[in-house]
Amino acid sequence: MRGGAPRSSFQRSAQVADAHDSVRLSLRLLTTSRLIEREVDALMRAKFDSTIARFDFLSALDRHGALTLGEVSQYLLVSNGNVTQLRTRLSADGLIETEADETDRRIQRVRLTRKGEVVFKHMAKAHRRCVDALLRDLTQADKNALSRLLDALRASLRRKLTKGAAP
């Protein structure tokens, strides 16, 4: 027993219920995320002969400009090996190119090519339409409330992470 009075069976039951609620909530979040991800991936495959992973890589470069592979890995929350494989395929397709860092020539950065910018613009438009259709049943107030709650959860999780947090 750690300091303080012994816990009642009611308090223990409440703790167990809270833990079960947290597990159920995390499973709902994962399931919802996977449903959206599956639909977006199907769209990317059907319309662009691509994947959601390739879209996410291009999206990171569109948002942030030229990045090192390590930075891309952090933004996407995936391993460096996955990013390297994606880079190889995206480079072969002419969507990204590698360049030396302006201040340290030893550092390599990847950036969108002109073709990559055009392709990404079309992919992003299709992505936006797909997600809008999936979330159409939510009111704007519901979307705003959900965004606030998810932002708070993400901030809380990042504070708790010991390593590997995305920027």
Foldseek 3Di string as FASTA:
>chain_A
DPDDDDDDVVRVVVVVVVVVVVVVVVVVVVVVVVVLQVQLQVVCCVPPVDGVVLLLLLVVCVVPNWDALVLSCLQVVHDSVVSVVSVVVCVVVQQKDWAADPVGRVTITIHGDPVNVVVSVVSVVVSVVSVCVVCVVDDPVRVVVVVVVVVVVLVVVLVVDPDSHHD
